[in-house]
Amino acid sequence: MDFLKDFDLVIVNRKLKESSEVDRNKNLYKISRNLISNFLGKIIENKLKLGVKGDTQAGLKAFKISDNFKKNKFLSKYYFFDIELISFFRKF
């Protein structure tokens, strides 16, 4: 995990082939969740131009907390927090 020291923000991208799901048995819930996630991901990328292809809502992330970070007021507490993090770290 020493490589994390080289980055300010690291977010897992579940859309990469190397990160493919082990569970191949997809039920209706998993299929619909995946479709909604892909749809939202495309909207987010097109509207916000974050430069992130694929998954912005993986949930697993690591980031450095600086003084600027502590002063920032994030609007999201849950689902869109990852997007705010990406935007924040792009600014700084």
N, C-alpha and C. Protein backbone atom coordinates (compact mmCIF):
# COMPACT_ATOMS: atom_id res chain seq x y z
N MET A 1 0.81 -1.20 0.00
CA MET A 1 0.00 0.00 0.00
C MET A 1 0.86 1.27 0.00
N ASP A 2 2.15 1.13 -0.13
CA ASP A 2 3.03 2.29 -0.17
C ASP A 2 2.76 3.19 -1.36
N PHE A 3 2.22 2.61 -2.45
CA PHE A 3 1.96 3.41 -3.65
C PHE A 3 0.92 4.49 -3.39
N LEU A 4 0.08 4.33 -2.37
CA LEU A 4 -0.94 5.34 -2.07
C LEU A 4 -0.32 6.67 -1.67
N LYS A 5 0.88 6.63 -1.13
CA LYS A 5 1.55 7.87 -0.71
C LYS A 5 1.85 8.80 -1.88
N ASP A 6 1.89 8.23 -3.10
CA ASP A 6 2.22 9.02 -4.29
C ASP A 6 1.03 9.78 -4.85
N PHE A 7 -0.16 9.56 -4.32
CA PHE A 7 -1.38 10.15 -4.87
C PHE A 7 -2.17 10.88 -3.79
N ASP A 8 -2.88 11.92 -4.22
CA ASP A 8 -3.77 12.64 -3.31
C ASP A 8 -5.12 11.95 -3.21
N LEU A 9 -5.55 11.32 -4.32
CA LEU A 9 -6.85 10.66 -4.38
C LEU A 9 -6.75 9.38 -5.20
N VAL A 10 -7.28 8.30 -4.66
CA VAL A 10 -7.35 7.02 -5.36
C VAL A 10 -8.78 6.50 -5.21
N ILE A 11 -9.42 6.20 -6.35
CA ILE A 11 -10.79 5.67 -6.33
C ILE A 11 -10.82 4.39 -7.16
N VAL A 12 -11.45 3.35 -6.64
CA VAL A 12 -11.59 2.09 -7.35
C VAL A 12 -12.50 2.29 -8.56
N ASN A 13 -12.13 1.68 -9.68
CA ASN A 13 -12.95 1.74 -10.89
C ASN A 13 -13.43 0.34 -11.21
N ARG A 14 -14.69 0.04 -10.91
CA ARG A 14 -15.26 -1.28 -11.13
C ARG A 14 -15.50 -1.57 -12.60
N LYS A 15 -15.36 -0.59 -13.47
CA LYS A 15 -15.61 -0.78 -14.90
C LYS A 15 -14.40 -1.36 -15.63
N LEU A 16 -13.24 -1.34 -15.01
CA LEU A 16 -12.05 -1.90 -15.64
C LEU A 16 -12.18 -3.41 -15.74
N LYS A 17 -11.64 -3.97 -16.82
CA LYS A 17 -11.70 -5.41 -17.03
C LYS A 17 -11.02 -6.16 -15.87
N GLU A 18 -9.95 -5.60 -15.35
CA GLU A 18 -9.21 -6.23 -14.25
C GLU A 18 -10.01 -6.25 -12.95
N SER A 19 -11.05 -5.43 -12.87
CA SER A 19 -11.88 -5.34 -11.68
C SER A 19 -13.23 -6.02 -11.85
N SER A 20 -13.33 -6.90 -12.83
CA SER A 20 -14.63 -7.50 -13.14
C SER A 20 -15.15 -8.31 -11.95
N GLU A 21 -16.46 -8.36 -11.86
CA GLU A 21 -17.10 -9.07 -10.76
C GLU A 21 -16.83 -10.57 -10.84
N VAL A 22 -16.63 -11.18 -9.71
CA VAL A 22 -16.43 -12.62 -9.65
C VAL A 22 -17.78 -13.33 -9.81
N ASP A 23 -18.82 -12.75 -9.29
CA ASP A 23 -20.16 -13.32 -9.35
C ASP A 23 -20.72 -13.17 -10.76
N ARG A 24 -20.84 -14.27 -11.47
CA ARG A 24 -21.35 -14.24 -12.84
C ARG A 24 -22.86 -14.45 -12.89
N ASN A 25 -23.47 -14.81 -11.76
CA ASN A 25 -24.92 -15.02 -11.70
C ASN A 25 -25.61 -13.69 -11.43
N LYS A 26 -26.06 -13.07 -12.49
CA LYS A 26 -26.70 -11.76 -12.35
C LYS A 26 -28.21 -11.92 -12.27
N ASN A 27 -28.79 -11.37 -11.23
CA ASN A 27 -30.25 -11.37 -11.13
C ASN A 27 -30.76 -10.01 -11.63
N LEU A 28 -32.05 -9.85 -11.65
CA LEU A 28 -32.66 -8.63 -12.17
C LEU A 28 -32.19 -7.40 -11.40
N TYR A 29 -32.05 -7.51 -10.09
CA TYR A 29 -31.57 -6.39 -9.28
C TYR A 29 -30.17 -5.96 -9.71
N LYS A 30 -29.26 -6.92 -9.87
CA LYS A 30 -27.88 -6.59 -10.24
C LYS A 30 -27.81 -6.00 -11.65
N ILE A 31 -28.59 -6.53 -12.55
CA ILE A 31 -28.60 -6.02 -13.92
C ILE A 31 -29.14 -4.59 -13.95
N SER A 32 -30.25 -4.33 -13.27
CA SER A 32 -30.82 -2.98 -13.27
C SER A 32 -29.90 -2.00 -12.55
N ARG A 33 -29.28 -2.42 -11.48
CA ARG A 33 -28.34 -1.56 -10.76
C ARG A 33 -27.16 -1.18 -11.66
N ASN A 34 -26.66 -2.15 -12.43
CA ASN A 34 -25.55 -1.90 -13.34
C ASN A 34 -25.96 -0.94 -14.45
N LEU A 35 -27.15 -1.11 -15.01
CA LEU A 35 -27.64 -0.22 -16.06
C LEU A 35 -27.80 1.21 -15.54
N ILE A 36 -28.36 1.37 -14.35
CA ILE A 36 -28.54 2.70 -13.76
C ILE A 36 -27.18 3.34 -13.48
N SER A 37 -26.25 2.55 -12.96
CA SER A 37 -24.90 3.05 -12.68
C SER A 37 -24.22 3.53 -13.95
N ASN A 38 -24.32 2.75 -15.03
CA ASN A 38 -23.72 3.15 -16.30
C ASN A 38 -24.36 4.42 -16.84
N PHE A 39 -25.68 4.51 -16.74
CA PHE A 39 -26.40 5.69 -17.21
C PHE A 39 -25.97 6.94 -16.44
N LEU A 40 -25.95 6.85 -15.12
CA LEU A 40 -25.53 8.00 -14.30
C LEU A 40 -24.07 8.36 -14.56
N GLY A 41 -23.23 7.36 -14.74
CA GLY A 41 -21.82 7.61 -15.02
C GLY A 41 -21.62 8.40 -16.30
N LYS A 42 -22.39 8.07 -17.33
CA LYS A 42 -22.29 8.80 -18.60
C LYS A 42 -22.79 10.24 -18.45
N ILE A 43 -23.87 10.42 -17.72
CA ILE A 43 -24.39 11.78 -17.48
C ILE A 43 -23.36 12.61 -16.71
N ILE A 44 -22.82 12.03 -15.67
CA ILE A 44 -21.83 12.74 -14.85
C ILE A 44 -20.62 13.12 -15.67
N GLU A 45 -20.11 12.18 -16.46
CA GLU A 45 -18.93 12.47 -17.28
C GLU A 45 -19.22 13.55 -18.32
N ASN A 46 -20.37 13.47 -18.97
CA ASN A 46 -20.71 14.45 -20.01
C ASN A 46 -20.96 15.84 -19.45
N LYS A 47 -21.62 15.93 -18.32
CA LYS A 47 -21.98 17.24 -17.75
C LYS A 47 -20.84 17.90 -16.99
N LEU A 48 -20.13 17.11 -16.19
CA LEU A 48 -19.12 17.70 -15.31
C LEU A 48 -17.71 17.68 -15.89
N LYS A 49 -17.49 16.91 -16.92
CA LYS A 49 -16.17 16.83 -17.57
C LYS A 49 -15.05 16.60 -16.56
N LEU A 50 -15.24 15.59 -15.71
CA LEU A 50 -14.26 15.31 -14.67
C LEU A 50 -13.04 14.56 -15.20
N GLY A 51 -13.12 14.04 -16.40
CA GLY A 51 -12.00 13.29 -16.96
C GLY A 51 -11.90 11.89 -16.39
N VAL A 52 -12.99 11.39 -15.86
CA VAL A 52 -13.02 10.04 -15.27
C VAL A 52 -13.90 9.18 -16.17
N LYS A 53 -13.33 8.12 -16.70
CA LYS A 53 -14.10 7.22 -17.54
C LYS A 53 -14.52 6.03 -16.69
N GLY A 54 -15.79 5.74 -16.70
CA GLY A 54 -16.25 4.55 -15.99
C GLY A 54 -16.93 4.87 -14.69
N ASP A 55 -16.38 4.39 -13.62
CA ASP A 55 -17.06 4.31 -12.34
C ASP A 55 -16.67 5.46 -11.42
N THR A 56 -17.63 6.30 -11.10
CA THR A 56 -17.36 7.38 -10.13
C THR A 56 -18.02 7.10 -8.79
N GLN A 57 -18.72 5.99 -8.67
CA GLN A 57 -19.48 5.71 -7.46
C GLN A 57 -19.11 4.37 -6.82
N ALA A 58 -17.85 3.98 -6.89
CA ALA A 58 -17.43 2.67 -6.38
C ALA A 58 -17.52 2.59 -4.86
N GLY A 59 -17.30 3.70 -4.20
CA GLY A 59 -17.38 3.71 -2.75
C GLY A 59 -16.04 3.51 -2.07
N LEU A 60 -15.14 2.74 -2.67
CA LEU A 60 -13.83 2.50 -2.08
C LEU A 60 -12.85 3.56 -2.57
N LYS A 61 -12.31 4.31 -1.64
CA LYS A 61 -11.41 5.40 -2.00
C LYS A 61 -10.41 5.67 -0.89
N ALA A 62 -9.32 6.31 -1.26
CA ALA A 62 -8.31 6.75 -0.30
C ALA A 62 -7.90 8.16 -0.71
N PHE A 63 -7.75 9.05 0.27
CA PHE A 63 -7.37 10.41 -0.07
C PHE A 63 -6.66 11.07 1.11
N LYS A 64 -5.84 12.06 0.76
CA LYS A 64 -5.12 12.84 1.76
C LYS A 64 -6.01 13.97 2.25
N ILE A 65 -5.98 14.19 3.54
CA ILE A 65 -6.78 15.27 4.13
C ILE A 65 -5.83 16.44 4.42
N SER A 66 -6.03 17.52 3.68
CA SER A 66 -5.22 18.72 3.84
C SER A 66 -6.03 19.78 4.56
N ASP A 67 -5.41 20.92 4.80
CA ASP A 67 -6.13 22.04 5.42
C ASP A 67 -7.27 22.50 4.51
N ASN A 68 -7.02 22.56 3.19
CA ASN A 68 -8.08 22.93 2.25
C ASN A 68 -9.26 21.97 2.33
N PHE A 69 -8.96 20.70 2.50
CA PHE A 69 -10.01 19.68 2.58
C PHE A 69 -10.86 19.92 3.82
N LYS A 70 -10.22 20.19 4.92
CA LYS A 70 -10.95 20.40 6.18
C LYS A 70 -11.84 21.64 6.12
N LYS A 71 -11.43 22.65 5.36
CA LYS A 71 -12.20 23.89 5.25
C LYS A 71 -13.36 23.76 4.26
N ASN A 72 -13.29 22.81 3.35
CA ASN A 72 -14.31 22.66 2.31
C ASN A 72 -15.61 22.10 2.89
N LYS A 73 -16.71 22.63 2.42
CA LYS A 73 -18.03 22.14 2.82
C LYS A 73 -18.59 21.28 1.69
N PHE A 74 -18.64 19.98 1.92
CA PHE A 74 -19.19 19.07 0.92
C PHE A 74 -20.70 19.01 1.08
N LEU A 75 -21.40 19.03 -0.05
CA LEU A 75 -22.86 18.96 -0.04
C LEU A 75 -23.36 17.54 0.18
N SER A 76 -22.67 16.59 -0.43
CA SER A 76 -23.12 15.19 -0.39
C SER A 76 -22.57 14.48 0.83
N LYS A 77 -23.39 13.64 1.37
CA LYS A 77 -22.95 12.79 2.48
C LYS A 77 -22.84 11.34 2.02
N TYR A 78 -23.49 11.00 0.91
CA TYR A 78 -23.55 9.60 0.50
C TYR A 78 -23.21 9.43 -0.98
N TYR A 79 -24.21 9.31 -1.83
CA TYR A 79 -24.03 8.84 -3.19
C TYR A 79 -23.09 9.70 -4.04
N PHE A 80 -23.23 11.00 -4.02
CA PHE A 80 -22.44 11.85 -4.90
C PHE A 80 -21.17 12.41 -4.25
N PHE A 81 -20.82 11.90 -3.09
CA PHE A 81 -19.62 12.36 -2.40
C PHE A 81 -18.37 12.11 -3.24
N ASP A 82 -18.31 10.95 -3.93
CA ASP A 82 -17.14 10.64 -4.75
C ASP A 82 -16.94 11.69 -5.84
N ILE A 83 -18.03 12.16 -6.42
CA ILE A 83 -17.94 13.17 -7.48
C ILE A 83 -17.42 14.49 -6.91
N GLU A 84 -17.89 14.84 -5.73
CA GLU A 84 -17.38 16.05 -5.08
C GLU A 84 -15.90 15.92 -4.76
N LEU A 85 -15.48 14.73 -4.34
CA LEU A 85 -14.05 14.50 -4.07
C LEU A 85 -13.21 14.69 -5.33
N ILE A 86 -13.65 14.10 -6.42
CA ILE A 86 -12.92 14.24 -7.68
C ILE A 86 -12.82 15.71 -8.06
N SER A 87 -13.93 16.41 -7.98
CA SER A 87 -13.95 17.84 -8.32
C SER A 87 -13.03 18.63 -7.39
N PHE A 88 -13.08 18.34 -6.10
CA PHE A 88 -12.23 19.04 -5.13
C PHE A 88 -10.76 18.84 -5.44
N PHE A 89 -10.35 17.59 -5.67
CA PHE A 89 -8.94 17.32 -5.92
C PHE A 89 -8.47 17.83 -7.28
N ARG A 90 -9.39 17.98 -8.23
CA ARG A 90 -9.03 18.60 -9.52
C ARG A 90 -8.69 20.08 -9.33
N LYS A 91 -9.42 20.73 -8.42
CA LYS A 91 -9.18 22.17 -8.17
C LYS A 91 -7.84 22.40 -7.48
N PHE A 92 -7.52 21.50 -6.54
CA PHE A 92 -6.31 21.70 -5.75
C PHE A 92 -5.22 20.75 -6.19
